[in-house]
Amino acid sequence: MSKIKNTPTFKTEAEERAFWEKHDSSDYVDWKKAQSVSMPNLKPSTKTISLRLPEGLLDSIKIEANKRDMPYQSLIKAWLAEDVKQSRNA
């Protein structure tokens, strides 16, 4: 097994980025000792999309969202996430 090298000290993020672009992290980190990390407060990046819906469908979604006291966009996201999860588990 090769010896783990000491990670250099970087003056800037750009310097660190350039270093890691040219070096293999396995020379500097013993990945066999790595542990899984949970970051429950980390929000996933989002991307804005444009979605055309029939007005009647959008009105129905808004009514359902109002019954649940939530924004209609959040309800659409929840429904999509639930459907995708069910589809992947099927």
Protein backbone atom coordinates (compact mmCIF):
# COMPACT_ATOMS: atom_id res chain seq x y z
CA MET A 1 0.00 0.00 0.00
CA SER A 2 1.38 3.41 -0.90
CA LYS A 3 1.90 6.08 1.71
CA ILE A 4 -0.65 8.89 1.91
CA LYS A 5 0.88 12.26 1.01
CA ASN A 6 0.24 15.43 2.99
CA THR A 7 -2.23 17.76 1.31
CA PRO A 8 -0.57 21.10 0.53
CA THR A 9 -1.81 24.38 1.93
CA PHE A 10 -3.51 26.57 -0.66
CA LYS A 11 -3.61 30.37 -0.72
CA THR A 12 -6.72 30.59 -2.87
CA GLU A 13 -9.61 28.42 -3.97
CA ALA A 14 -8.39 28.78 -7.56
CA GLU A 15 -4.98 27.40 -6.56
CA GLU A 16 -6.64 24.44 -4.83
CA ARG A 17 -8.91 23.79 -7.81
CA ALA A 18 -5.90 23.80 -10.17
CA PHE A 19 -4.06 21.36 -7.90
CA TRP A 20 -6.94 18.84 -7.74
CA GLU A 21 -7.44 19.03 -11.50
CA LYS A 22 -3.92 17.61 -11.91
CA HIS A 23 -3.63 15.26 -8.92
CA ASP A 24 -5.38 12.05 -7.87
CA SER A 25 -7.08 12.43 -4.49
CA SER A 26 -6.31 8.80 -3.61
CA ASP A 27 -2.66 9.85 -3.19
CA TYR A 28 -3.78 12.25 -0.45
CA VAL A 29 -6.83 10.61 1.12
CA ASP A 30 -7.33 7.08 2.43
CA TRP A 31 -10.78 6.54 0.95
CA LYS A 32 -11.10 3.18 2.75
CA LYS A 33 -11.53 5.17 5.97
CA ALA A 34 -14.11 7.53 4.47
CA GLN A 35 -17.53 7.65 6.09
CA SER A 36 -20.91 8.61 4.65
CA VAL A 37 -22.15 12.05 5.60
CA SER A 38 -25.71 13.29 5.86
CA MET A 39 -26.40 16.97 5.17
CA PRO A 40 -30.12 17.36 5.84
CA ASN A 41 -30.05 21.18 5.62
CA LEU A 42 -28.32 21.25 2.24
CA LYS A 43 -30.80 22.40 -0.37
CA PRO A 44 -30.46 20.83 -3.80
CA SER A 45 -29.85 23.20 -6.68
CA THR A 46 -32.92 24.00 -8.64
CA LYS A 47 -33.51 24.98 -12.23
CA THR A 48 -36.36 27.10 -13.49
CA ILE A 49 -38.38 25.57 -16.29
CA SER A 50 -41.35 26.72 -18.31
CA LEU A 51 -44.28 24.34 -18.40
CA ARG A 52 -47.42 24.96 -20.41
CA LEU A 53 -50.58 23.57 -18.80
CA PRO A 54 -54.20 23.86 -19.83
CA GLU A 55 -55.84 26.63 -17.79
CA GLY A 56 -58.43 24.24 -16.36
CA LEU A 57 -55.71 21.89 -15.10
CA LEU A 58 -53.77 24.76 -13.54
CA ASP A 59 -56.94 26.03 -11.86
CA SER A 60 -57.59 22.54 -10.44
CA ILE A 61 -54.01 22.32 -9.15
CA LYS A 62 -54.33 25.75 -7.51
CA ILE A 63 -57.56 24.64 -5.79
CA GLU A 64 -55.85 21.48 -4.48
CA ALA A 65 -52.86 23.52 -3.31
CA ASN A 66 -55.16 25.99 -1.56
CA LYS A 67 -56.86 23.10 0.29
CA ARG A 68 -53.42 22.04 1.52
CA ASP A 69 -52.40 25.64 2.30
CA MET A 70 -49.32 25.46 0.10
CA PRO A 71 -48.09 27.18 -3.07
CA TYR A 72 -49.26 25.40 -6.21
CA GLN A 73 -45.68 25.13 -7.52
CA SER A 74 -44.69 23.25 -4.35
CA LEU A 75 -47.64 20.89 -4.78
CA ILE A 76 -46.63 20.18 -8.39
CA LYS A 77 -43.05 19.42 -7.25
CA ALA A 78 -44.32 17.13 -4.49
CA TRP A 79 -46.58 15.24 -6.89
CA LEU A 80 -43.79 14.88 -9.46
CA ALA A 81 -41.30 13.67 -6.85
CA GLU A 82 -43.80 11.14 -5.47
CA ASP A 83 -44.63 9.81 -8.94
CA VAL A 84 -40.96 9.49 -9.94
CA LYS A 85 -40.16 7.70 -6.68
CA GLN A 86 -43.02 5.24 -7.19
CA SER A 87 -42.01 4.65 -10.80
CA ARG A 88 -38.40 3.94 -9.84
CA ASN A 89 -39.48 1.51 -7.10
CA ALA A 90 -41.87 -0.37 -9.39
